N, C-alpha and C. Protein backbone atom coordinates (compact mmCIF):
# COMPACT_ATOMS: atom_id res chain seq x y z
N MET A 1 21.55 -9.98 -34.73
CA MET A 1 21.01 -9.98 -33.37
C MET A 1 21.84 -9.04 -32.50
N PRO A 2 21.20 -8.14 -31.78
CA PRO A 2 21.95 -7.20 -30.96
C PRO A 2 22.70 -7.92 -29.85
N SER A 3 23.86 -7.42 -29.51
CA SER A 3 24.68 -8.05 -28.48
C SER A 3 24.09 -7.80 -27.09
N THR A 4 24.55 -8.59 -26.11
CA THR A 4 24.09 -8.43 -24.74
C THR A 4 24.46 -7.06 -24.20
N LEU A 5 25.62 -6.54 -24.58
CA LEU A 5 26.05 -5.24 -24.10
C LEU A 5 25.12 -4.15 -24.57
N ASN A 6 24.69 -4.25 -25.84
CA ASN A 6 23.76 -3.24 -26.37
C ASN A 6 22.41 -3.32 -25.68
N LEU A 7 21.94 -4.52 -25.39
CA LEU A 7 20.66 -4.67 -24.70
C LEU A 7 20.73 -4.05 -23.31
N LEU A 8 21.84 -4.22 -22.61
CA LEU A 8 21.98 -3.62 -21.29
C LEU A 8 22.02 -2.11 -21.38
N LYS A 9 22.65 -1.58 -22.41
CA LYS A 9 22.76 -0.14 -22.56
C LYS A 9 21.41 0.50 -22.86
N GLU A 10 20.58 -0.22 -23.66
CA GLU A 10 19.33 0.36 -24.12
C GLU A 10 18.14 -0.03 -23.26
N SER A 11 18.38 -0.75 -22.16
CA SER A 11 17.27 -1.24 -21.33
C SER A 11 16.49 -0.11 -20.70
N SER A 12 17.14 0.99 -20.35
CA SER A 12 16.44 2.11 -19.75
C SER A 12 17.30 3.36 -19.89
N SER A 13 16.69 4.52 -19.72
CA SER A 13 17.42 5.77 -19.80
C SER A 13 18.27 5.94 -18.55
N LYS A 14 19.52 6.33 -18.75
CA LYS A 14 20.44 6.53 -17.64
C LYS A 14 20.77 8.00 -17.52
N ARG A 15 20.87 8.47 -16.27
CA ARG A 15 21.17 9.88 -16.01
C ARG A 15 22.37 9.99 -15.08
N CYS A 16 23.09 11.06 -15.27
CA CYS A 16 24.27 11.33 -14.46
C CYS A 16 23.86 11.65 -13.02
N PRO A 17 24.50 11.04 -12.03
CA PRO A 17 24.13 11.35 -10.64
C PRO A 17 24.59 12.74 -10.19
N GLU A 18 25.47 13.38 -10.98
CA GLU A 18 25.98 14.69 -10.62
C GLU A 18 25.12 15.82 -11.20
N CYS A 19 24.86 15.78 -12.52
CA CYS A 19 24.10 16.86 -13.16
C CYS A 19 22.72 16.45 -13.63
N ASP A 20 22.36 15.17 -13.53
CA ASP A 20 21.04 14.65 -13.88
C ASP A 20 20.75 14.72 -15.38
N GLU A 21 21.79 14.82 -16.21
CA GLU A 21 21.60 14.83 -17.65
C GLU A 21 21.63 13.40 -18.19
N LEU A 22 20.97 13.19 -19.34
CA LEU A 22 20.96 11.87 -19.96
C LEU A 22 22.36 11.49 -20.44
N ILE A 23 22.68 10.21 -20.26
CA ILE A 23 23.95 9.69 -20.72
C ILE A 23 23.70 8.76 -21.89
N ASP A 24 24.29 9.08 -23.03
CA ASP A 24 24.10 8.28 -24.23
C ASP A 24 24.72 6.89 -24.03
N SER A 25 24.15 5.90 -24.70
CA SER A 25 24.65 4.53 -24.56
C SER A 25 26.10 4.40 -24.98
N ALA A 26 26.54 5.28 -25.89
CA ALA A 26 27.93 5.22 -26.34
C ALA A 26 28.90 5.61 -25.24
N ALA A 27 28.40 6.36 -24.23
CA ALA A 27 29.26 6.79 -23.13
C ALA A 27 29.27 5.81 -21.97
N ILE A 28 28.57 4.67 -22.13
CA ILE A 28 28.50 3.66 -21.07
C ILE A 28 29.41 2.50 -21.43
N ASN A 29 30.33 2.19 -20.55
CA ASN A 29 31.26 1.08 -20.74
C ASN A 29 30.84 -0.06 -19.79
N ILE A 30 30.12 -1.03 -20.35
CA ILE A 30 29.61 -2.13 -19.54
C ILE A 30 30.76 -2.97 -18.98
N GLN A 31 31.78 -3.22 -19.79
CA GLN A 31 32.88 -4.08 -19.36
C GLN A 31 33.63 -3.48 -18.18
N GLU A 32 33.85 -2.18 -18.20
CA GLU A 32 34.55 -1.52 -17.10
C GLU A 32 33.61 -1.13 -15.96
N GLY A 33 32.29 -1.13 -16.25
CA GLY A 33 31.31 -0.79 -15.22
C GLY A 33 31.27 0.68 -14.89
N VAL A 34 31.56 1.54 -15.88
CA VAL A 34 31.56 2.99 -15.66
C VAL A 34 30.84 3.69 -16.81
N ALA A 35 30.49 4.94 -16.58
CA ALA A 35 29.86 5.78 -17.60
C ALA A 35 30.43 7.18 -17.50
N LEU A 36 30.65 7.82 -18.64
CA LEU A 36 31.19 9.17 -18.69
C LEU A 36 30.10 10.13 -19.15
N CYS A 37 29.77 11.11 -18.31
CA CYS A 37 28.73 12.08 -18.64
C CYS A 37 29.29 13.10 -19.63
N PRO A 38 28.68 13.24 -20.81
CA PRO A 38 29.17 14.21 -21.79
C PRO A 38 28.88 15.66 -21.39
N ALA A 39 27.94 15.86 -20.45
CA ALA A 39 27.56 17.23 -20.07
C ALA A 39 28.52 17.83 -19.05
N CYS A 40 28.82 17.06 -17.99
CA CYS A 40 29.69 17.61 -16.94
C CYS A 40 31.03 16.91 -16.84
N GLY A 41 31.21 15.82 -17.59
CA GLY A 41 32.49 15.12 -17.59
C GLY A 41 32.71 14.21 -16.40
N ALA A 42 31.67 13.97 -15.57
CA ALA A 42 31.81 13.12 -14.39
C ALA A 42 31.88 11.66 -14.80
N LEU A 43 32.78 10.91 -14.16
CA LEU A 43 32.90 9.48 -14.40
C LEU A 43 32.24 8.75 -13.23
N SER A 44 31.22 7.96 -13.52
CA SER A 44 30.43 7.32 -12.46
C SER A 44 30.34 5.82 -12.69
N ARG A 45 30.20 5.09 -11.60
CA ARG A 45 29.93 3.66 -11.71
C ARG A 45 28.50 3.45 -12.17
N LEU A 46 28.24 2.33 -12.83
CA LEU A 46 26.90 2.06 -13.35
C LEU A 46 25.87 1.99 -12.23
N SER A 47 26.28 1.50 -11.06
CA SER A 47 25.35 1.40 -9.93
C SER A 47 24.94 2.77 -9.41
N GLN A 48 25.69 3.82 -9.74
CA GLN A 48 25.39 5.16 -9.27
C GLN A 48 24.48 5.93 -10.21
N LEU A 49 24.27 5.43 -11.42
CA LEU A 49 23.45 6.14 -12.41
C LEU A 49 21.99 6.13 -12.01
N ASN A 50 21.29 7.19 -12.34
CA ASN A 50 19.85 7.30 -12.08
C ASN A 50 19.08 6.82 -13.29
N ASP A 51 17.99 6.11 -13.04
CA ASP A 51 17.11 5.63 -14.12
C ASP A 51 15.93 6.57 -14.28
N GLY A 52 15.51 6.79 -15.50
CA GLY A 52 14.31 7.59 -15.72
C GLY A 52 14.39 8.44 -16.97
N ASP A 53 13.25 8.58 -17.64
CA ASP A 53 13.18 9.43 -18.82
C ASP A 53 13.07 10.90 -18.44
N GLN A 54 12.61 11.18 -17.21
CA GLN A 54 12.46 12.55 -16.75
C GLN A 54 13.61 12.92 -15.82
N SER A 55 13.99 14.19 -15.89
CA SER A 55 14.97 14.68 -14.94
C SER A 55 14.29 14.92 -13.59
N VAL A 56 15.09 15.09 -12.55
CA VAL A 56 14.53 15.35 -11.23
C VAL A 56 13.69 16.63 -11.25
N ARG A 57 14.16 17.65 -11.94
CA ARG A 57 13.43 18.91 -12.01
C ARG A 57 12.08 18.73 -12.70
N GLU A 58 12.06 17.96 -13.79
CA GLU A 58 10.81 17.71 -14.50
C GLU A 58 9.84 16.90 -13.64
N PHE A 59 10.38 15.92 -12.92
CA PHE A 59 9.54 15.09 -12.07
C PHE A 59 8.93 15.90 -10.94
N LEU A 60 9.73 16.77 -10.32
CA LEU A 60 9.22 17.59 -9.22
C LEU A 60 8.18 18.60 -9.70
N ALA A 61 8.31 19.05 -10.93
CA ALA A 61 7.36 20.03 -11.46
C ALA A 61 6.00 19.40 -11.77
N ALA A 62 5.98 18.13 -12.13
CA ALA A 62 4.72 17.45 -12.47
C ALA A 62 4.75 16.03 -11.92
N PRO A 63 4.55 15.85 -10.60
CA PRO A 63 4.57 14.51 -10.01
C PRO A 63 3.40 13.67 -10.51
N PRO A 64 3.49 12.35 -10.43
CA PRO A 64 2.40 11.48 -10.88
C PRO A 64 1.10 11.74 -10.13
N ARG A 65 0.00 11.31 -10.72
CA ARG A 65 -1.31 11.46 -10.10
C ARG A 65 -1.35 10.76 -8.75
N GLY A 66 -1.90 11.45 -7.75
CA GLY A 66 -1.98 10.89 -6.41
C GLY A 66 -0.75 11.18 -5.56
N CYS A 67 0.22 11.89 -6.14
CA CYS A 67 1.45 12.21 -5.41
C CYS A 67 1.61 13.73 -5.32
N SER A 68 2.31 14.16 -4.30
CA SER A 68 2.61 15.58 -4.14
C SER A 68 3.95 15.73 -3.44
N ILE A 69 4.63 16.82 -3.76
CA ILE A 69 5.93 17.10 -3.16
C ILE A 69 5.91 18.52 -2.64
N ASP A 70 6.18 18.66 -1.35
CA ASP A 70 6.16 19.97 -0.70
C ASP A 70 7.53 20.22 -0.09
N SER A 71 8.21 21.23 -0.57
CA SER A 71 9.53 21.56 -0.04
C SER A 71 9.53 22.99 0.46
N GLY A 72 10.09 23.17 1.61
CA GLY A 72 10.17 24.50 2.19
C GLY A 72 10.93 24.48 3.49
N GLY A 73 11.73 25.48 3.72
CA GLY A 73 12.49 25.52 4.95
C GLY A 73 13.55 24.45 4.98
N ASP A 74 13.53 23.65 6.03
CA ASP A 74 14.57 22.63 6.22
C ASP A 74 14.09 21.22 5.89
N GLU A 75 12.92 21.06 5.28
CA GLU A 75 12.43 19.71 5.02
C GLU A 75 11.73 19.61 3.68
N VAL A 76 11.68 18.38 3.20
CA VAL A 76 10.96 18.03 1.97
C VAL A 76 10.01 16.89 2.30
N ILE A 77 8.74 17.03 1.91
CA ILE A 77 7.74 16.01 2.19
C ILE A 77 7.15 15.51 0.87
N ALA A 78 7.36 14.25 0.58
CA ALA A 78 6.78 13.61 -0.61
C ALA A 78 5.65 12.69 -0.15
N THR A 79 4.47 12.88 -0.71
CA THR A 79 3.29 12.13 -0.30
C THR A 79 2.72 11.34 -1.47
N ALA A 80 2.38 10.08 -1.23
CA ALA A 80 1.76 9.23 -2.25
C ALA A 80 0.50 8.59 -1.67
N SER A 81 -0.60 8.72 -2.37
CA SER A 81 -1.87 8.16 -1.90
C SER A 81 -1.92 6.66 -2.15
N LEU A 82 -2.52 5.92 -1.23
CA LEU A 82 -2.71 4.48 -1.37
C LEU A 82 -4.13 4.14 -1.83
N LYS A 83 -4.87 5.15 -2.25
CA LYS A 83 -6.27 4.96 -2.61
C LYS A 83 -6.41 4.00 -3.78
N SER A 84 -7.25 3.00 -3.60
CA SER A 84 -7.54 2.01 -4.63
C SER A 84 -8.98 1.53 -4.44
N ILE A 85 -9.85 1.93 -5.35
CA ILE A 85 -11.26 1.53 -5.23
C ILE A 85 -11.42 0.02 -5.33
N GLY A 86 -10.68 -0.60 -6.24
CA GLY A 86 -10.76 -2.06 -6.36
C GLY A 86 -10.27 -2.76 -5.11
N GLY A 87 -9.15 -2.28 -4.56
CA GLY A 87 -8.62 -2.86 -3.33
C GLY A 87 -9.57 -2.65 -2.17
N PHE A 88 -10.22 -1.48 -2.12
CA PHE A 88 -11.17 -1.21 -1.03
C PHE A 88 -12.37 -2.13 -1.12
N LEU A 89 -12.95 -2.29 -2.30
CA LEU A 89 -14.13 -3.14 -2.45
C LEU A 89 -13.82 -4.59 -2.10
N ALA A 90 -12.65 -5.08 -2.52
CA ALA A 90 -12.29 -6.47 -2.25
C ALA A 90 -12.05 -6.69 -0.75
N SER A 91 -11.24 -5.82 -0.14
CA SER A 91 -10.93 -5.99 1.28
C SER A 91 -12.14 -5.71 2.17
N ALA A 92 -12.95 -4.71 1.80
CA ALA A 92 -14.14 -4.40 2.59
C ALA A 92 -15.16 -5.53 2.51
N GLY A 93 -15.34 -6.11 1.32
CA GLY A 93 -16.27 -7.22 1.18
C GLY A 93 -15.84 -8.42 2.00
N PHE A 94 -14.55 -8.73 1.97
CA PHE A 94 -14.05 -9.85 2.77
C PHE A 94 -14.18 -9.56 4.25
N ALA A 95 -13.87 -8.31 4.65
CA ALA A 95 -13.95 -7.94 6.07
C ALA A 95 -15.38 -8.05 6.59
N LEU A 96 -16.36 -7.60 5.80
CA LEU A 96 -17.76 -7.68 6.22
C LEU A 96 -18.20 -9.13 6.38
N PHE A 97 -17.84 -9.97 5.42
CA PHE A 97 -18.21 -11.39 5.48
C PHE A 97 -17.55 -12.07 6.68
N TRP A 98 -16.23 -11.86 6.82
CA TRP A 98 -15.48 -12.52 7.89
C TRP A 98 -15.93 -12.04 9.27
N ASN A 99 -16.00 -10.71 9.43
CA ASN A 99 -16.36 -10.17 10.74
C ASN A 99 -17.81 -10.48 11.11
N GLY A 100 -18.68 -10.63 10.10
CA GLY A 100 -20.06 -10.99 10.38
C GLY A 100 -20.16 -12.36 11.03
N ILE A 101 -19.34 -13.30 10.55
CA ILE A 101 -19.34 -14.65 11.13
C ILE A 101 -18.68 -14.64 12.51
N VAL A 102 -17.53 -13.96 12.61
CA VAL A 102 -16.79 -13.94 13.87
C VAL A 102 -17.58 -13.24 14.97
N SER A 103 -18.37 -12.22 14.58
CA SER A 103 -19.12 -11.46 15.59
C SER A 103 -20.12 -12.33 16.34
N VAL A 104 -20.64 -13.36 15.70
CA VAL A 104 -21.59 -14.26 16.37
C VAL A 104 -20.91 -14.97 17.54
N PHE A 105 -19.72 -15.51 17.28
CA PHE A 105 -18.99 -16.22 18.33
C PHE A 105 -18.41 -15.24 19.35
N LEU A 106 -18.06 -14.04 18.90
CA LEU A 106 -17.52 -13.04 19.81
C LEU A 106 -18.59 -12.58 20.81
N SER A 107 -19.81 -12.39 20.32
CA SER A 107 -20.89 -11.99 21.23
C SER A 107 -21.19 -13.09 22.25
N LEU A 108 -21.05 -14.33 21.82
CA LEU A 108 -21.25 -15.45 22.73
C LEU A 108 -20.17 -15.47 23.81
N ALA A 109 -18.92 -15.19 23.42
CA ALA A 109 -17.82 -15.15 24.39
C ALA A 109 -17.99 -14.00 25.37
N LEU A 110 -18.41 -12.84 24.88
CA LEU A 110 -18.62 -11.70 25.77
C LEU A 110 -19.77 -11.97 26.74
N ALA A 111 -20.81 -12.61 26.25
CA ALA A 111 -21.93 -12.95 27.13
C ALA A 111 -21.49 -13.93 28.21
N GLY A 112 -20.63 -14.89 27.82
CA GLY A 112 -20.13 -15.85 28.81
C GLY A 112 -19.28 -15.18 29.88
N LEU A 113 -18.44 -14.24 29.47
CA LEU A 113 -17.61 -13.52 30.46
C LEU A 113 -18.49 -12.71 31.41
N TYR A 114 -19.46 -12.01 30.85
CA TYR A 114 -20.33 -11.17 31.68
C TYR A 114 -21.13 -12.03 32.66
N THR A 115 -21.62 -13.16 32.17
CA THR A 115 -22.43 -14.04 33.02
C THR A 115 -21.61 -14.64 34.16
N ASN A 116 -20.39 -15.07 33.85
CA ASN A 116 -19.56 -15.72 34.87
C ASN A 116 -18.93 -14.74 35.84
N LEU A 117 -18.74 -13.49 35.43
CA LEU A 117 -18.05 -12.53 36.28
C LEU A 117 -18.97 -11.48 36.91
N VAL A 118 -20.16 -11.26 36.33
CA VAL A 118 -21.04 -10.22 36.84
C VAL A 118 -22.42 -10.79 37.14
N ASP A 119 -23.30 -10.77 36.16
CA ASP A 119 -24.68 -11.23 36.30
C ASP A 119 -25.17 -11.73 34.95
N PRO A 120 -26.35 -12.31 34.91
CA PRO A 120 -26.93 -12.65 33.60
C PRO A 120 -27.03 -11.42 32.71
N VAL A 121 -26.80 -11.61 31.43
CA VAL A 121 -26.80 -10.48 30.50
C VAL A 121 -28.23 -9.97 30.30
N PRO A 122 -28.38 -8.69 29.93
CA PRO A 122 -29.72 -8.14 29.67
C PRO A 122 -30.39 -8.85 28.49
N PRO A 123 -31.71 -8.81 28.43
CA PRO A 123 -32.44 -9.50 27.35
C PRO A 123 -32.11 -8.96 25.96
N TRP A 124 -31.70 -7.68 25.86
CA TRP A 124 -31.45 -7.09 24.56
C TRP A 124 -30.07 -7.46 23.99
N PHE A 125 -29.22 -8.12 24.79
CA PHE A 125 -27.87 -8.41 24.30
C PHE A 125 -27.92 -9.42 23.15
N PRO A 126 -27.28 -9.09 21.99
CA PRO A 126 -27.40 -9.95 20.80
C PRO A 126 -26.45 -11.14 20.81
N ALA A 127 -26.77 -12.14 21.59
CA ALA A 127 -25.95 -13.35 21.63
C ALA A 127 -26.85 -14.56 21.39
N PRO A 128 -26.40 -15.54 20.59
CA PRO A 128 -27.23 -16.71 20.32
C PRO A 128 -27.21 -17.70 21.48
N GLY A 129 -28.22 -18.55 21.52
CA GLY A 129 -28.26 -19.63 22.51
C GLY A 129 -28.39 -19.18 23.95
N MET A 130 -29.13 -18.08 24.19
CA MET A 130 -29.27 -17.58 25.55
C MET A 130 -30.49 -18.20 26.22
N VAL A 131 -30.32 -18.64 27.46
CA VAL A 131 -31.40 -19.19 28.27
C VAL A 131 -31.36 -18.49 29.63
N GLU A 132 -32.41 -17.69 29.90
CA GLU A 132 -32.48 -16.93 31.15
C GLU A 132 -31.24 -16.04 31.35
N GLY A 133 -30.85 -15.41 30.27
CA GLY A 133 -29.72 -14.47 30.34
C GLY A 133 -28.36 -15.11 30.42
N LYS A 134 -28.28 -16.44 30.19
CA LYS A 134 -26.99 -17.12 30.25
C LYS A 134 -26.77 -17.91 28.96
N PRO A 135 -25.56 -17.80 28.38
CA PRO A 135 -25.27 -18.58 27.17
C PRO A 135 -25.09 -20.06 27.52
N GLU A 136 -25.55 -20.92 26.61
CA GLU A 136 -25.44 -22.36 26.85
C GLU A 136 -24.55 -23.01 25.80
N MET A 137 -23.88 -24.06 26.22
CA MET A 137 -23.05 -24.86 25.32
C MET A 137 -23.22 -26.32 25.71
N ASN A 138 -23.57 -27.15 24.73
CA ASN A 138 -23.81 -28.58 24.95
C ASN A 138 -24.93 -28.81 25.96
N GLY A 139 -25.95 -27.94 25.93
CA GLY A 139 -27.12 -28.13 26.78
C GLY A 139 -26.96 -27.66 28.21
N LYS A 140 -25.87 -26.96 28.53
CA LYS A 140 -25.70 -26.45 29.89
C LYS A 140 -25.02 -25.09 29.84
N PRO A 141 -25.18 -24.27 30.91
CA PRO A 141 -24.57 -22.94 30.91
C PRO A 141 -23.05 -23.01 30.72
N MET A 142 -22.52 -22.06 29.97
CA MET A 142 -21.08 -22.01 29.74
C MET A 142 -20.33 -21.66 31.02
N GLY A 143 -19.37 -22.48 31.36
CA GLY A 143 -18.54 -22.19 32.52
C GLY A 143 -17.44 -21.20 32.18
N LEU A 144 -16.75 -20.75 33.19
CA LEU A 144 -15.69 -19.77 32.97
C LEU A 144 -14.55 -20.36 32.14
N GLY A 145 -14.22 -21.63 32.37
CA GLY A 145 -13.16 -22.27 31.61
C GLY A 145 -13.50 -22.35 30.13
N GLU A 146 -14.74 -22.75 29.82
CA GLU A 146 -15.17 -22.81 28.42
C GLU A 146 -15.17 -21.43 27.78
N THR A 147 -15.56 -20.45 28.54
CA THR A 147 -15.59 -19.08 28.01
C THR A 147 -14.18 -18.58 27.71
N LEU A 148 -13.24 -18.83 28.61
CA LEU A 148 -11.86 -18.39 28.38
C LEU A 148 -11.24 -19.12 27.20
N PHE A 149 -11.56 -20.41 27.05
CA PHE A 149 -11.05 -21.15 25.89
C PHE A 149 -11.60 -20.57 24.60
N LEU A 150 -12.89 -20.21 24.58
CA LEU A 150 -13.49 -19.63 23.39
C LEU A 150 -12.85 -18.28 23.06
N CYS A 151 -12.55 -17.50 24.09
CA CYS A 151 -11.90 -16.19 23.87
C CYS A 151 -10.52 -16.38 23.24
N MET A 152 -9.74 -17.34 23.75
CA MET A 152 -8.41 -17.59 23.20
C MET A 152 -8.51 -18.13 21.78
N PHE A 153 -9.50 -18.97 21.53
CA PHE A 153 -9.70 -19.56 20.21
C PHE A 153 -10.04 -18.49 19.17
N LEU A 154 -10.72 -17.43 19.60
CA LEU A 154 -11.16 -16.38 18.67
C LEU A 154 -10.08 -15.35 18.35
N VAL A 155 -8.98 -15.34 19.11
CA VAL A 155 -7.96 -14.30 18.92
C VAL A 155 -7.44 -14.24 17.48
N PRO A 156 -7.01 -15.35 16.86
CA PRO A 156 -6.51 -15.23 15.48
C PRO A 156 -7.59 -14.80 14.48
N PHE A 157 -8.83 -15.23 14.72
CA PHE A 157 -9.91 -14.85 13.81
C PHE A 157 -10.24 -13.36 13.91
N VAL A 158 -10.22 -12.84 15.14
CA VAL A 158 -10.44 -11.41 15.33
C VAL A 158 -9.29 -10.60 14.73
N THR A 159 -8.08 -11.13 14.85
CA THR A 159 -6.91 -10.45 14.29
C THR A 159 -7.01 -10.35 12.77
N VAL A 160 -7.43 -11.42 12.13
CA VAL A 160 -7.60 -11.40 10.67
C VAL A 160 -8.66 -10.38 10.27
N GLY A 161 -9.78 -10.38 10.98
CA GLY A 161 -10.85 -9.44 10.67
C GLY A 161 -10.42 -7.99 10.85
N ALA A 162 -9.68 -7.72 11.94
CA ALA A 162 -9.19 -6.37 12.17
C ALA A 162 -8.18 -5.97 11.09
N GLY A 163 -7.33 -6.91 10.70
CA GLY A 163 -6.35 -6.62 9.66
C GLY A 163 -7.00 -6.28 8.33
N MET A 164 -8.04 -7.00 7.95
CA MET A 164 -8.74 -6.73 6.69
C MET A 164 -9.49 -5.41 6.77
N THR A 165 -10.00 -5.06 7.95
CA THR A 165 -10.67 -3.77 8.12
C THR A 165 -9.67 -2.63 7.94
N VAL A 166 -8.49 -2.79 8.53
CA VAL A 166 -7.44 -1.77 8.37
C VAL A 166 -7.01 -1.67 6.91
N THR A 167 -6.90 -2.82 6.24
CA THR A 167 -6.54 -2.82 4.82
C THR A 167 -7.56 -2.06 3.99
N ALA A 168 -8.84 -2.26 4.28
CA ALA A 168 -9.89 -1.55 3.56
C ALA A 168 -9.80 -0.04 3.80
N MET A 169 -9.55 0.36 5.04
CA MET A 169 -9.42 1.79 5.34
C MET A 169 -8.19 2.38 4.68
N MET A 170 -7.10 1.62 4.65
CA MET A 170 -5.89 2.10 4.00
C MET A 170 -6.10 2.27 2.50
N SER A 171 -6.90 1.38 1.90
CA SER A 171 -7.17 1.48 0.46
C SER A 171 -8.03 2.68 0.12
N LEU A 172 -8.67 3.25 1.13
CA LEU A 172 -9.55 4.40 0.88
C LEU A 172 -8.93 5.71 1.35
N PHE A 173 -8.27 5.70 2.50
CA PHE A 173 -7.75 6.95 3.08
C PHE A 173 -6.24 6.92 3.33
N GLY A 174 -5.58 5.79 3.12
CA GLY A 174 -4.17 5.67 3.47
C GLY A 174 -3.24 6.44 2.56
N LYS A 175 -2.06 6.74 3.07
CA LYS A 175 -1.03 7.42 2.28
C LYS A 175 0.35 7.12 2.85
N VAL A 176 1.34 7.33 2.02
CA VAL A 176 2.73 7.15 2.42
C VAL A 176 3.43 8.51 2.31
N GLU A 177 4.09 8.89 3.38
CA GLU A 177 4.84 10.15 3.40
C GLU A 177 6.32 9.87 3.60
N VAL A 178 7.14 10.50 2.77
CA VAL A 178 8.59 10.45 2.94
C VAL A 178 9.03 11.84 3.36
N VAL A 179 9.54 11.95 4.57
CA VAL A 179 9.95 13.24 5.12
C VAL A 179 11.46 13.25 5.29
N VAL A 180 12.09 14.22 4.66
CA VAL A 180 13.54 14.40 4.79
C VAL A 180 13.78 15.75 5.44
N HIS A 181 14.23 15.73 6.69
CA HIS A 181 14.50 16.94 7.45
C HIS A 181 16.00 17.06 7.70
N ARG A 182 16.41 18.23 8.14
CA ARG A 182 17.83 18.43 8.40
C ARG A 182 18.35 17.47 9.46
N THR A 183 17.52 17.16 10.45
CA THR A 183 17.97 16.32 11.56
C THR A 183 17.49 14.88 11.48
N GLU A 184 16.47 14.58 10.69
CA GLU A 184 15.96 13.22 10.60
C GLU A 184 15.25 13.00 9.28
N ALA A 185 15.07 11.73 8.95
CA ALA A 185 14.32 11.35 7.75
C ALA A 185 13.57 10.07 8.05
N TYR A 186 12.34 9.99 7.58
CA TYR A 186 11.54 8.80 7.86
C TYR A 186 10.46 8.61 6.80
N VAL A 187 9.95 7.38 6.75
CA VAL A 187 8.81 7.03 5.90
C VAL A 187 7.65 6.72 6.82
N ALA A 188 6.52 7.40 6.62
CA ALA A 188 5.34 7.21 7.47
C ALA A 188 4.20 6.66 6.62
N THR A 189 3.62 5.56 7.07
CA THR A 189 2.49 4.93 6.37
C THR A 189 1.31 4.86 7.31
N GLY A 190 0.14 5.33 6.86
CA GLY A 190 -1.04 5.26 7.73
C GLY A 190 -2.13 6.20 7.32
N ILE A 191 -3.02 6.47 8.29
CA ILE A 191 -4.18 7.34 8.07
C ILE A 191 -4.17 8.43 9.13
N GLY A 192 -4.14 9.68 8.71
CA GLY A 192 -4.16 10.79 9.66
C GLY A 192 -2.99 10.72 10.63
N ILE A 193 -3.31 10.79 11.93
CA ILE A 193 -2.27 10.75 12.95
C ILE A 193 -1.85 9.31 13.28
N LEU A 194 -2.57 8.33 12.76
CA LEU A 194 -2.24 6.92 13.00
C LEU A 194 -1.27 6.47 11.92
N LYS A 195 0.01 6.57 12.21
CA LYS A 195 1.05 6.27 11.22
C LYS A 195 2.11 5.36 11.81
N TRP A 196 2.68 4.55 10.93
CA TRP A 196 3.82 3.71 11.28
C TRP A 196 5.05 4.34 10.65
N LYS A 197 5.99 4.77 11.49
CA LYS A 197 7.16 5.48 11.01
C LYS A 197 8.39 4.57 10.99
N ARG A 198 9.17 4.70 9.92
CA ARG A 198 10.44 3.98 9.79
C ARG A 198 11.52 4.99 9.43
N LYS A 199 12.49 5.14 10.30
CA LYS A 199 13.56 6.11 10.06
C LYS A 199 14.61 5.53 9.11
N PHE A 200 15.27 6.41 8.37
CA PHE A 200 16.34 5.98 7.47
C PHE A 200 17.35 7.11 7.32
N ASN A 201 18.51 6.76 6.81
CA ASN A 201 19.57 7.74 6.57
C ASN A 201 19.54 8.13 5.10
N PRO A 202 19.14 9.36 4.76
CA PRO A 202 19.03 9.74 3.34
C PRO A 202 20.36 9.71 2.60
N HIS A 203 21.47 9.81 3.32
CA HIS A 203 22.78 9.80 2.68
C HIS A 203 23.17 8.40 2.21
N LYS A 204 22.47 7.37 2.71
CA LYS A 204 22.78 6.00 2.33
C LYS A 204 21.81 5.44 1.29
N VAL A 205 20.85 6.25 0.83
CA VAL A 205 19.89 5.80 -0.18
C VAL A 205 20.57 5.83 -1.55
N SER A 206 20.63 4.69 -2.20
CA SER A 206 21.27 4.60 -3.52
C SER A 206 20.26 4.52 -4.65
N SER A 207 19.03 4.06 -4.36
CA SER A 207 18.00 3.96 -5.40
C SER A 207 16.64 3.86 -4.76
N VAL A 208 15.63 4.20 -5.56
CA VAL A 208 14.23 4.11 -5.14
C VAL A 208 13.50 3.26 -6.15
N ILE A 209 12.89 2.16 -5.70
CA ILE A 209 12.19 1.22 -6.58
C ILE A 209 10.71 1.26 -6.27
N PHE A 210 9.87 1.40 -7.32
CA PHE A 210 8.41 1.41 -7.12
C PHE A 210 7.74 0.72 -8.28
């Protein structure tokens, strides 16, 4: 039975953080927590080693499907698509079902606000339970208090519906960009100009997990 040390050595390919060359398992000292690169002679801690069967140069030359790397001038931009047909169909189906139900109550709340603050709503307005242009609840016209309560009650349901709609759009058009510039570095997630940016210090990045 192979020893625990051998299993740790053979669990994945290790590369030197200095020259990016493969480090043979014989050059890894698990007990001391260090590895000696046979190519450049650098002595590195195990936590500093890079994982991967491909070198950085090989990876940059042929990035995975849906990813691209653009380097030029003072910045490097790595882009990964979030496109997922299965994720889009699931989230879009849920969003349509959920928002279809919520829209009935939302139209009723909007009709109540318009009626109490302006005038009776036009006949073409798509709200259920309308009598003479005014929404009714429990057999009488909705008051302003009831309307405001309904609006507050609908907030979490509208939030869920909006969130699922955004999820569906992200599954179809979303992407993640990692931008490393001379003066700043950030990760941007979103669609087009609608992005959520998170800044980071590239000098403090020790590993990338995906």
